[in-house]
Amino acid sequence: MSFDLILPFMRPIEPLLLDEEVSEIMGNPDASWWCERAGIIHHEASISFDAGRLRTGLEVIANQLGKRLDEDNPVLHAQLPDGSRLAAVIPPVVRPAPAVTIRKFPSRHYTVDDLIARGTLTQPLAEFLADQIRSGKTLLISGGTSTGKTTVLRALASAIPEEQRIVVIEDTSELHLQKPNLLSVECQTDTFKASITFDDLLKSALRWRPDRIILGEVRGMEARTLLDSLNTGHTGSLATIHANSAAKALTRFANLVMRSHGQAMFTDVEAEIGEAVEFVVHVERQPGRRAVREVLALNGYDRTSQQFKFEAVYSANDLLNCRTNSTRKDTSYATA
């Protein structure tokens, strides 16, 4: 099912569905409709969608995707064949009317040059990060929801040498990298078939002879497996993680590892991360754009002070230029 097939059931929001500048569509239980264009949310006051018609349309869409949406199953998460994600909820979970959010799959994949032109990256920063990726450094890309982490990851991954084998693991296939030796796999956790999780696929990936592992998002049990893989020879990997800053991304990574490995010492886990991760790139949503806010170079972990050692090699606040390894000075910072 593509947008062409859901349009008959979503006529009132058809202009938003077909508008390539719209990245997200949101319908609220109070019958108001909103959309996001270029990082800015707009109220679409002209849209009127009868609650009964909306619910019927959502039920039909669910049925065509092999799912159910009714009072016994009032929450729907679905991926359309074009990659767009639909999330809906109906009464009695919400009142008085259904709510729906559609995150549209971008028809255009932005290159590094595109991101520079849009103000997401500076030219020096783009060149610096490309050099790190080519040389096999491991990067975490952090940020909040819908800040452009995946877009930045996809663009930066273009710097991976063509001769290397890449394994990509995602919840919903979004990256679509253009590389000659690529194995891209997708989790199966929202189906009636056997559940295949991030962790299942990551463990299998270690047998698929990867030079690089790209993980769409670190968010659960796979954090422990990923950390093990990074510390046993699979350097040069890329992953995204939800966090409010680059420093907090390191703490969140450690917390995720601890959830599935509670017998470990927190300081031991942080020390492992200090050895495994070399850069954290933090992305934020700003009015009219999404931009890299800071980049940290991680230089290990100080067990005495129980702090990561890192340096800000780029900060949008201070307009710092990227520096090379030879000019860095280790600095310890608390992440709490």
Protein backbone atom coordinates (compact mmCIF):
# COMPACT_ATOMS: atom_id res chain seq x y z
CA MET A 1 0.00 0.00 0.00
CA SER A 2 1.38 3.37 -1.00
CA PHE A 3 0.06 6.89 -0.64
CA ASP A 4 -1.85 6.36 -3.90
CA LEU A 5 -3.81 3.57 -2.22
CA ILE A 6 -4.51 5.36 1.06
CA LEU A 7 -5.60 8.61 -0.61
CA PRO A 8 -9.23 7.49 -1.08
CA PHE A 9 -9.51 7.10 2.70
CA MET A 10 -7.56 10.27 3.53
CA ARG A 11 -8.91 12.80 1.03
CA PRO A 12 -9.10 15.75 3.44
CA ILE A 13 -5.33 15.56 4.06
CA GLU A 14 -4.36 14.63 0.50
CA PRO A 15 -2.56 17.98 -0.10
CA LEU A 16 -0.32 17.28 2.90
CA LEU A 17 0.34 13.70 1.83
CA LEU A 18 1.46 14.85 -1.61
CA ASP A 19 3.44 17.90 -0.47
CA GLU A 20 7.13 16.93 -0.56
CA GLU A 21 7.98 19.74 1.85
CA VAL A 22 5.84 18.16 4.57
CA SER A 23 7.71 15.65 6.73
CA GLU A 24 5.11 14.95 9.41
CA ILE A 25 1.31 15.10 9.56
CA MET A 26 -0.54 15.19 12.89
CA GLY A 27 -4.26 14.93 13.53
CA ASN A 28 -5.45 15.47 17.11
CA PRO A 29 -8.57 14.21 18.94
CA ASP A 30 -9.97 17.76 18.94
CA ALA A 31 -10.08 17.54 15.11
CA SER A 32 -7.21 20.00 14.63
CA TRP A 33 -4.58 19.17 12.01
CA TRP A 34 -0.93 20.13 12.01
CA CYS A 35 2.07 19.49 9.78
CA GLU A 36 5.80 20.00 9.90
CA ARG A 37 7.58 21.80 7.09
CA ALA A 38 11.34 22.47 7.25
CA GLY A 39 11.38 21.81 10.98
CA ILE A 40 8.50 24.19 11.75
CA ILE A 41 5.04 22.99 12.84
CA HIS A 42 2.08 24.69 11.16
CA HIS A 43 -1.61 24.60 12.04
CA GLU A 44 -3.67 23.58 9.01
CA ALA A 45 -6.88 25.40 9.92
CA SER A 46 -8.49 24.72 6.53
CA ILE A 47 -8.56 20.93 7.01
CA SER A 48 -11.79 19.38 8.22
CA PHE A 49 -11.97 15.61 8.67
CA ASP A 50 -15.12 13.96 10.02
CA ALA A 51 -14.19 11.72 12.98
CA GLY A 52 -16.30 8.82 11.73
CA ARG A 53 -14.77 8.93 8.25
CA LEU A 54 -11.27 9.16 9.72
CA ARG A 55 -11.83 6.11 11.93
CA THR A 56 -13.29 4.10 9.05
CA GLY A 57 -10.37 5.06 6.85
CA LEU A 58 -7.85 4.03 9.48
CA GLU A 59 -9.61 0.69 10.01
CA VAL A 60 -9.54 -0.03 6.27
CA ILE A 61 -5.85 0.86 6.06
CA ALA A 62 -5.11 -1.41 9.03
CA ASN A 63 -7.00 -4.29 7.43
CA GLN A 64 -5.16 -3.90 4.14
CA LEU A 65 -1.88 -4.07 6.03
CA GLY A 66 -2.92 -7.27 7.82
CA LYS A 67 -3.53 -5.50 11.14
CA ARG A 68 -6.52 -4.69 13.32
CA LEU A 69 -7.81 -1.40 14.66
CA ASP A 70 -10.86 -1.66 16.92
CA GLU A 71 -11.84 -1.19 20.57
CA ASP A 72 -9.92 -4.34 21.50
CA ASN A 73 -6.89 -3.16 19.49
CA PRO A 74 -7.08 0.65 19.74
CA VAL A 75 -3.44 1.43 18.89
CA LEU A 76 -2.00 1.02 15.39
CA HIS A 77 1.63 1.20 14.33
CA ALA A 78 2.16 0.51 10.65
CA GLN A 79 4.75 0.99 7.95
CA LEU A 80 3.58 1.76 4.45
CA PRO A 81 5.44 0.13 1.56
CA ASP A 82 7.08 3.46 0.67
CA GLY A 83 8.65 3.51 4.15
CA SER A 84 6.31 6.08 5.70
CA ARG A 85 5.18 5.35 9.26
CA LEU A 86 1.62 5.65 10.45
CA ALA A 87 0.67 5.73 14.14
CA ALA A 88 -2.98 5.94 15.11
CA VAL A 89 -5.03 5.64 18.29
CA ILE A 90 -8.80 5.52 18.64
CA PRO A 91 -11.35 5.77 21.49
CA PRO A 92 -11.50 4.73 24.28
CA VAL A 93 -7.75 5.43 24.54
CA VAL A 94 -8.33 8.96 23.22
CA ARG A 95 -11.49 11.04 23.19
CA PRO A 96 -13.56 12.20 21.50
CA ALA A 97 -12.03 11.27 18.13
CA PRO A 98 -9.09 9.33 16.67
CA ALA A 99 -5.58 10.72 16.59
CA VAL A 100 -3.12 9.97 13.81
CA THR A 101 0.51 10.80 13.06
CA ILE A 102 2.17 10.09 9.72
CA ARG A 103 5.91 10.43 9.40
CA LYS A 104 6.45 10.59 5.68
CA PHE A 105 9.25 8.73 4.00
CA PRO A 106 11.41 11.32 2.23
CA SER A 107 11.44 10.95 -1.53
CA ARG A 108 14.82 12.67 -1.60
CA HIS A 109 17.92 11.45 0.22
CA TYR A 110 20.06 14.41 1.19
CA THR A 111 23.77 14.34 0.47
CA VAL A 112 26.47 15.98 2.56
CA ASP A 113 26.44 18.92 0.13
CA ASP A 114 22.68 19.24 0.62
CA LEU A 115 23.09 19.32 4.39
CA ILE A 116 25.79 21.98 4.11
CA ALA A 117 23.49 24.07 1.92
CA ARG A 118 20.64 23.67 4.44
CA GLY A 119 22.83 24.68 7.36
CA THR A 120 22.85 21.27 9.04
CA LEU A 121 26.63 20.95 8.69
CA THR A 122 29.45 23.37 8.02
CA GLN A 123 31.92 22.52 5.26
CA PRO A 124 34.88 22.10 7.66
CA LEU A 125 32.82 19.91 9.99
CA ALA A 126 31.61 17.74 7.11
CA GLU A 127 35.17 17.21 5.91
CA PHE A 128 36.37 16.47 9.44
CA LEU A 129 33.69 13.84 10.07
CA ALA A 130 34.21 12.25 6.66
CA ASP A 131 37.92 11.87 7.46
CA GLN A 132 37.08 10.17 10.77
CA ILE A 133 34.66 7.75 9.13
CA ARG A 134 37.06 6.88 6.32
CA SER A 135 39.77 6.13 8.88
CA GLY A 136 37.50 3.74 10.79
CA LYS A 137 36.38 5.78 13.77
CA THR A 138 33.21 4.77 15.64
CA LEU A 139 30.49 7.44 15.83
CA LEU A 140 27.30 7.83 17.83
CA ILE A 141 24.77 10.29 16.42
CA SER A 142 22.49 11.61 19.16
CA GLY A 143 19.44 13.80 19.24
CA GLY A 144 15.76 13.96 20.10
CA THR A 145 12.82 12.64 18.11
CA SER A 146 12.63 13.92 14.53
CA THR A 147 15.86 15.92 14.74
CA GLY A 148 17.38 14.41 11.58
CA LYS A 149 19.67 11.77 13.11
CA THR A 150 18.95 9.29 10.33
CA THR A 151 19.45 11.92 7.62
CA VAL A 152 22.84 12.89 9.07
CA LEU A 153 23.86 9.24 9.46
CA ARG A 154 22.92 8.44 5.86
CA ALA A 155 24.89 11.38 4.51
CA LEU A 156 27.98 10.69 6.62
CA ALA A 157 27.94 6.98 5.76
CA SER A 158 28.75 7.91 2.17
CA ALA A 159 32.35 8.37 3.36
CA ILE A 160 32.72 4.64 4.10
CA PRO A 161 35.16 3.20 1.54
CA GLU A 162 33.50 1.36 -1.34
CA GLU A 163 35.51 -1.82 -0.84
CA GLN A 164 34.18 -2.41 2.68
CA ARG A 165 31.24 -4.63 3.56
CA ILE A 166 28.43 -2.86 5.45
CA VAL A 167 25.68 -4.48 7.52
CA VAL A 168 22.73 -2.17 8.28
CA ILE A 169 20.20 -3.05 10.98
CA GLU A 170 17.03 -0.96 11.33
CA ASP A 171 13.62 -1.10 12.90
CA THR A 172 12.09 0.46 9.80
CA SER A 173 14.16 0.54 6.64
CA GLU A 174 15.06 4.20 6.04
CA LEU A 175 18.73 4.53 5.19
CA HIS A 176 18.83 2.90 1.73
CA LEU A 177 22.58 3.39 1.39
CA GLN A 178 24.08 3.21 -2.06
CA LYS A 179 27.09 0.96 -1.48
CA PRO A 180 28.30 -2.03 -3.53
CA ASN A 181 28.73 -4.55 -0.70
CA LEU A 182 25.72 -3.96 1.53
CA LEU A 183 23.47 -6.20 3.60
CA SER A 184 20.47 -4.34 5.01
CA VAL A 185 18.10 -6.11 7.42
CA GLU A 186 14.95 -5.06 9.25
CA CYS A 187 13.44 -6.08 12.58
CA GLN A 188 10.16 -7.99 12.70
CA THR A 189 8.52 -7.15 16.02
CA ASP A 190 5.14 -5.82 14.92
CA THR A 191 3.79 -8.83 13.07
CA PHE A 192 1.96 -12.04 13.80
CA LYS A 193 5.05 -14.00 12.80
CA ALA A 194 8.09 -14.86 14.92
CA SER A 195 9.62 -11.77 16.52
CA ILE A 196 13.07 -10.81 15.21
CA THR A 197 14.60 -8.09 17.37
CA PHE A 198 17.51 -5.66 17.00
CA ASP A 199 19.54 -7.88 19.29
CA ASP A 200 18.75 -11.01 17.26
CA LEU A 201 19.90 -9.32 14.07
CA LEU A 202 22.97 -7.76 15.64
CA LYS A 203 24.13 -11.13 16.96
CA SER A 204 23.61 -12.60 13.48
CA ALA A 205 25.40 -9.65 11.89
CA LEU A 206 28.61 -10.65 13.63
CA ARG A 207 28.54 -13.81 11.48
CA TRP A 208 27.92 -11.91 8.26
CA ARG A 209 31.51 -10.71 7.93
CA PRO A 210 30.90 -6.95 8.35
CA ASP A 211 33.62 -4.35 8.06
CA ARG A 212 31.14 -1.79 9.37
CA ILE A 213 27.91 -2.20 11.33
CA ILE A 214 25.30 0.55 11.12
CA LEU A 215 22.56 0.37 13.74
CA GLY A 216 19.50 2.49 13.07
CA GLU A 217 18.95 3.17 16.75
CA VAL A 218 20.40 1.96 20.05
CA ARG A 219 17.45 1.63 22.41
CA GLY A 220 17.31 -1.73 24.18
CA MET A 221 19.02 -5.05 24.80
CA GLU A 222 21.11 -4.66 21.66
CA ALA A 223 23.18 -1.99 23.46
CA ARG A 224 25.15 -4.71 25.29
CA THR A 225 25.72 -6.70 22.09
CA LEU A 226 26.76 -3.57 20.21
CA LEU A 227 29.25 -2.58 22.90
CA ASP A 228 30.73 -6.08 22.86
CA SER A 229 31.07 -5.97 19.08
CA LEU A 230 32.76 -2.57 19.15
CA ASN A 231 35.29 -3.79 21.70
CA THR A 232 36.05 -7.02 19.82
CA GLY A 233 37.20 -5.67 16.49
CA HIS A 234 34.14 -4.14 14.80
CA THR A 235 35.33 -0.55 14.92
CA GLY A 236 34.21 2.10 12.47
CA SER A 237 30.54 1.49 13.18
CA LEU A 238 27.77 4.08 13.22
CA ALA A 239 24.59 4.23 15.31
CA THR A 240 21.96 6.71 16.45
CA ILE A 241 20.69 7.16 20.01
CA HIS A 242 18.06 9.36 21.63
CA ALA A 243 19.59 11.92 24.00
CA ASN A 244 19.41 15.61 24.86
CA SER A 245 23.13 16.29 24.41
CA ALA A 246 26.27 14.55 23.21
CA ALA A 247 27.48 13.97 26.77
CA LYS A 248 24.12 12.58 27.86
CA ALA A 249 24.22 10.19 24.91
CA LEU A 250 27.16 8.43 26.58
CA THR A 251 25.27 8.07 29.85
CA ARG A 252 22.17 6.83 28.04
CA PHE A 253 24.26 4.24 26.18
CA ALA A 254 25.59 3.02 29.54
CA ASN A 255 22.10 2.91 31.05
CA LEU A 256 20.81 0.85 28.12
CA VAL A 257 23.67 -1.63 28.55
CA MET A 258 22.93 -1.92 32.27
CA ARG A 259 19.27 -2.73 31.66
CA SER A 260 20.19 -6.07 30.14
CA HIS A 261 23.36 -6.63 32.16
CA GLY A 262 22.47 -5.48 35.66
CA GLN A 263 25.20 -7.48 37.36
CA ALA A 264 27.89 -5.32 35.75
CA MET A 265 29.39 -2.29 37.46
CA PHE A 266 28.27 1.02 35.96
CA THR A 267 31.85 2.31 35.95
CA ASP A 268 32.99 -0.79 34.06
CA VAL A 269 30.34 -0.22 31.40
CA GLU A 270 31.27 3.46 31.06
CA ALA A 271 34.93 2.49 30.75
CA GLU A 272 34.03 0.08 27.94
CA ILE A 273 32.14 2.86 26.16
CA GLY A 274 35.14 5.15 26.65
CA GLU A 275 37.25 2.61 24.78
CA ALA A 276 34.70 1.84 22.06
CA VAL A 277 33.18 5.18 21.00
CA GLU A 278 35.40 7.84 19.48
CA PHE A 279 33.01 10.63 18.48
CA VAL A 280 29.50 11.73 19.42
CA VAL A 281 27.63 13.96 16.96
CA HIS A 282 24.60 15.70 18.45
CA VAL A 283 21.78 16.98 16.23
CA GLU A 284 19.04 19.40 17.27
CA ARG A 285 15.90 20.75 15.68
CA GLN A 286 15.97 24.51 15.26
CA PRO A 287 13.44 26.89 13.69
CA GLY A 288 13.52 26.24 9.97
CA ARG A 289 16.23 23.57 10.04
CA ARG A 290 17.92 20.68 11.79
CA ALA A 291 21.55 21.25 12.67
CA VAL A 292 24.56 19.56 14.23
CA ARG A 293 24.90 21.29 17.57
CA GLU A 294 28.08 19.75 18.91
CA VAL A 295 30.68 17.07 18.28
CA LEU A 296 32.65 15.47 21.08
CA ALA A 297 35.87 13.51 20.69
CA LEU A 298 35.96 10.80 23.34
CA ASN A 299 39.36 10.03 24.80
CA GLY A 300 38.59 7.27 27.27
CA TYR A 301 37.29 7.15 30.83
CA ASP A 302 38.79 8.22 34.15
CA ARG A 303 37.93 5.58 36.74
CA THR A 304 39.19 7.73 39.61
CA SER A 305 36.79 10.59 38.93
CA GLN A 306 34.25 8.28 37.23
CA GLN A 307 34.01 10.63 34.28
CA PHE A 308 34.33 10.35 30.54
CA LYS A 309 37.26 12.21 29.05
CA PHE A 310 36.28 14.16 25.98
CA GLU A 311 36.79 17.38 24.13
CA ALA A 312 34.36 19.49 22.15
CA VAL A 313 35.85 19.55 18.66
CA TYR A 314 32.83 21.47 17.37
CA SER A 315 30.23 23.63 19.09
CA ALA A 316 27.61 25.68 17.30
CA ASN A 317 27.52 28.01 20.31
CA ASP A 318 31.16 28.97 19.98
CA LEU A 319 31.43 28.45 16.21
CA LEU A 320 34.51 26.30 16.77
CA ASN A 321 36.32 24.91 13.79
CA CYS A 322 37.16 21.23 13.68
CA ARG A 323 40.64 20.39 14.87
CA THR A 324 42.86 17.45 14.06
CA ASN A 325 43.90 14.79 16.54
CA SER A 326 47.30 16.41 16.98
CA THR A 327 45.78 19.57 18.47
CA ARG A 328 43.40 17.95 20.93
CA LYS A 329 43.81 18.18 24.67
CA ASP A 330 42.13 15.59 26.89
CA THR A 331 39.55 17.10 29.20
CA SER A 332 37.41 15.24 31.71
CA TYR A 333 33.74 16.08 32.00
CA ALA A 334 31.03 14.64 34.17
CA THR A 335 28.05 13.29 32.26
CA ALA A 336 25.50 13.28 35.02
